[in-house]
Amino acid sequence: MEPEVLELETFLPYRLYRLADAVSREFSKIYKERHGLTRPEWRTLSGLGQRGTMTATELGEQSAMHKTKVSRAVAELERRRWLTRTPDENDRRVEHLTLTKAGLAAYREMVPLAKAFERELLERLSAEERTAIIGGVAALEAKLTLG
């Protein structure tokens, strides 16, 4: 009897990973061209733009980034003067990260570009396909307790 083979091309987790990576790479062209940001820097900027003040740990959890990537992104955005670090009053090991006016301006400039990217991506699909993918992703997120 032949051993069972896993065909990656049809394995859903692999397909989802490749799709997410392809979409992320395509979107990264926009923020890289506009501001020279890396993916972790964009995720950090957008997380802080959305939530206001966060810790590095919270940023890592929200964006599913390893703490070293968060740390490098925070350091670069701080170098650009796009964010500030405020030590926690009760725990000096924790810093609260907040966008500066310049960081907030960059974030606000990127929001309509991100929304346009998403809209154009979904417009590649039929109405039925859009409904199916949005519903399917939401269902998987709910079952995996991500959403």
Protein backbone atom coordinates (compact mmCIF):
# COMPACT_ATOMS: atom_id res chain seq x y z
CA MET A 1 0.00 0.00 0.00
CA GLU A 2 1.30 3.42 -1.00
CA PRO A 3 1.87 5.92 1.82
CA GLU A 4 -0.60 8.77 1.87
CA VAL A 5 0.70 11.98 0.27
CA LEU A 6 -0.27 15.50 1.23
CA GLU A 7 -0.72 17.66 -1.86
CA LEU A 8 0.10 21.15 -0.64
CA GLU A 9 -1.58 22.78 -3.64
CA THR A 10 -4.97 21.47 -2.47
CA PHE A 11 -4.34 21.63 1.32
CA LEU A 12 -6.56 24.46 2.62
CA PRO A 13 -4.20 25.79 5.34
CA TYR A 14 -1.40 26.07 2.77
CA ARG A 15 -3.71 27.71 0.23
CA LEU A 16 -4.89 30.25 2.83
CA TYR A 17 -1.29 31.03 3.79
CA ARG A 18 -0.25 31.55 0.16
CA LEU A 19 -3.31 33.70 -0.53
CA ALA A 20 -2.75 35.86 2.56
CA ASP A 21 0.91 36.26 1.65
CA ALA A 22 0.12 37.21 -1.95
CA VAL A 23 -2.48 39.79 -0.88
CA SER A 24 -0.13 41.18 1.77
CA ARG A 25 2.74 41.48 -0.73
CA GLU A 26 0.49 43.27 -3.23
CA PHE A 27 -0.76 45.71 -0.59
CA SER A 28 2.78 46.24 0.75
CA LYS A 29 3.71 47.89 -2.55
CA ILE A 30 1.42 50.79 -1.62
CA TYR A 31 2.85 51.60 1.81
CA LYS A 32 6.41 50.78 0.75
CA GLU A 33 6.16 53.16 -2.21
CA ARG A 34 4.40 55.85 -0.18
CA HIS A 35 6.45 55.77 3.01
CA GLY A 36 9.15 53.10 2.66
CA LEU A 37 7.50 50.98 5.35
CA THR A 38 8.07 47.28 5.91
CA ARG A 39 5.12 44.97 6.68
CA PRO A 40 5.80 45.00 10.45
CA GLU A 41 6.12 48.80 10.41
CA TRP A 42 2.81 49.14 8.55
CA ARG A 43 1.08 46.73 10.94
CA THR A 44 2.44 48.68 13.91
CA LEU A 45 1.41 52.03 12.42
CA SER A 46 -2.08 50.76 11.57
CA GLY A 47 -2.57 49.08 14.95
CA LEU A 48 -1.70 52.28 16.81
CA GLY A 49 -3.73 54.36 14.36
CA GLN A 50 -6.77 52.19 15.00
CA ARG A 51 -6.46 51.72 18.76
CA GLY A 52 -4.58 54.80 19.96
CA THR A 53 -2.22 53.64 22.68
CA MET A 54 -0.99 50.05 22.93
CA THR A 55 1.86 48.09 24.45
CA ALA A 56 4.28 46.12 22.28
CA THR A 57 2.72 42.90 23.60
CA GLU A 58 -0.76 44.07 22.56
CA LEU A 59 0.58 45.03 19.11
CA GLY A 60 2.11 41.58 18.70
CA GLU A 61 -1.14 39.88 19.66
CA GLN A 62 -3.27 42.09 17.41
CA SER A 63 -1.01 41.73 14.38
CA ALA A 64 0.22 38.15 14.97
CA MET A 65 3.84 39.37 14.85
CA HIS A 66 6.75 37.99 16.85
CA LYS A 67 8.02 40.34 19.56
CA THR A 68 11.34 40.93 17.76
CA LYS A 69 9.51 42.17 14.66
CA VAL A 70 7.34 44.43 16.80
CA SER A 71 10.43 45.73 18.58
CA ARG A 72 12.24 46.55 15.32
CA ALA A 73 9.14 48.21 13.87
CA VAL A 74 8.65 50.31 17.02
CA ALA A 75 12.31 51.36 16.96
CA GLU A 76 12.07 52.42 13.30
CA LEU A 77 8.81 54.35 13.78
CA GLU A 78 10.32 56.03 16.82
CA ARG A 79 13.43 56.92 14.77
CA ARG A 80 11.12 58.57 12.23
CA ARG A 81 9.41 60.38 15.12
CA TRP A 82 6.12 58.70 14.25
CA LEU A 83 5.57 57.23 17.71
CA THR A 84 6.47 57.87 21.31
CA ARG A 85 7.07 55.47 24.19
CA THR A 86 5.75 56.24 27.66
CA PRO A 87 6.87 54.00 30.54
CA ASP A 88 4.05 52.42 32.55
CA GLU A 89 3.65 54.01 35.98
CA ASN A 90 3.31 50.63 37.72
CA ASP A 91 5.62 48.42 35.64
CA ARG A 92 8.77 49.97 34.15
CA ARG A 93 9.19 46.96 31.85
CA VAL A 94 6.04 48.00 29.96
CA GLU A 95 5.87 50.95 27.57
CA HIS A 96 2.75 52.53 26.13
CA LEU A 97 3.16 53.34 22.45
CA THR A 98 1.31 56.23 20.82
CA LEU A 99 1.53 57.81 17.39
CA THR A 100 2.85 61.36 17.15
CA LYS A 101 1.13 63.96 14.97
CA ALA A 102 3.42 62.94 12.08
CA GLY A 103 2.66 59.25 12.61
CA LEU A 104 -1.05 59.93 12.80
CA ALA A 105 -0.85 61.99 9.60
CA ALA A 106 0.87 59.10 7.79
CA TYR A 107 -1.75 56.68 9.12
CA ARG A 108 -4.63 58.93 8.04
CA GLU A 109 -3.09 59.26 4.58
CA MET A 110 -2.89 55.47 4.29
CA VAL A 111 -6.45 54.65 5.44
CA PRO A 112 -8.20 55.62 2.19
CA LEU A 113 -5.48 53.87 0.19
CA ALA A 114 -5.98 50.69 2.22
CA LYS A 115 -9.74 50.85 1.81
CA ALA A 116 -9.37 51.43 -1.93
CA PHE A 117 -7.02 48.42 -2.16
CA GLU A 118 -9.55 46.24 -0.36
CA ARG A 119 -12.39 47.49 -2.56
CA GLU A 120 -10.38 46.86 -5.76
CA LEU A 121 -9.38 43.41 -4.53
CA LEU A 122 -13.01 42.46 -3.87
CA GLU A 123 -14.13 43.97 -7.18
CA ARG A 124 -12.11 41.25 -8.93
CA LEU A 125 -14.80 38.85 -7.70
CA SER A 126 -18.46 38.49 -8.57
CA ALA A 127 -21.05 39.56 -5.97
CA GLU A 128 -21.62 35.91 -5.07
CA GLU A 129 -17.90 35.25 -4.69
CA ARG A 130 -17.50 38.35 -2.48
CA THR A 131 -20.34 37.19 -0.23
CA ALA A 132 -18.90 33.67 -0.10
CA ILE A 133 -15.35 34.70 0.78
CA ILE A 134 -16.38 37.28 3.39
CA GLY A 135 -18.77 34.80 4.98
CA GLY A 136 -16.32 31.91 4.79
CA VAL A 137 -13.48 33.89 6.34
CA ALA A 138 -15.77 35.14 9.12
CA ALA A 139 -16.97 31.60 9.82
CA LEU A 140 -13.42 30.23 10.05
CA GLU A 141 -12.36 33.12 12.30
CA ALA A 142 -15.31 32.46 14.60
CA LYS A 143 -14.59 28.72 14.78
CA LEU A 144 -10.93 29.39 15.48
CA THR A 145 -11.84 32.18 17.96
CA LEU A 146 -9.90 34.84 16.04
CA GLY A 147 -12.77 37.17 15.26
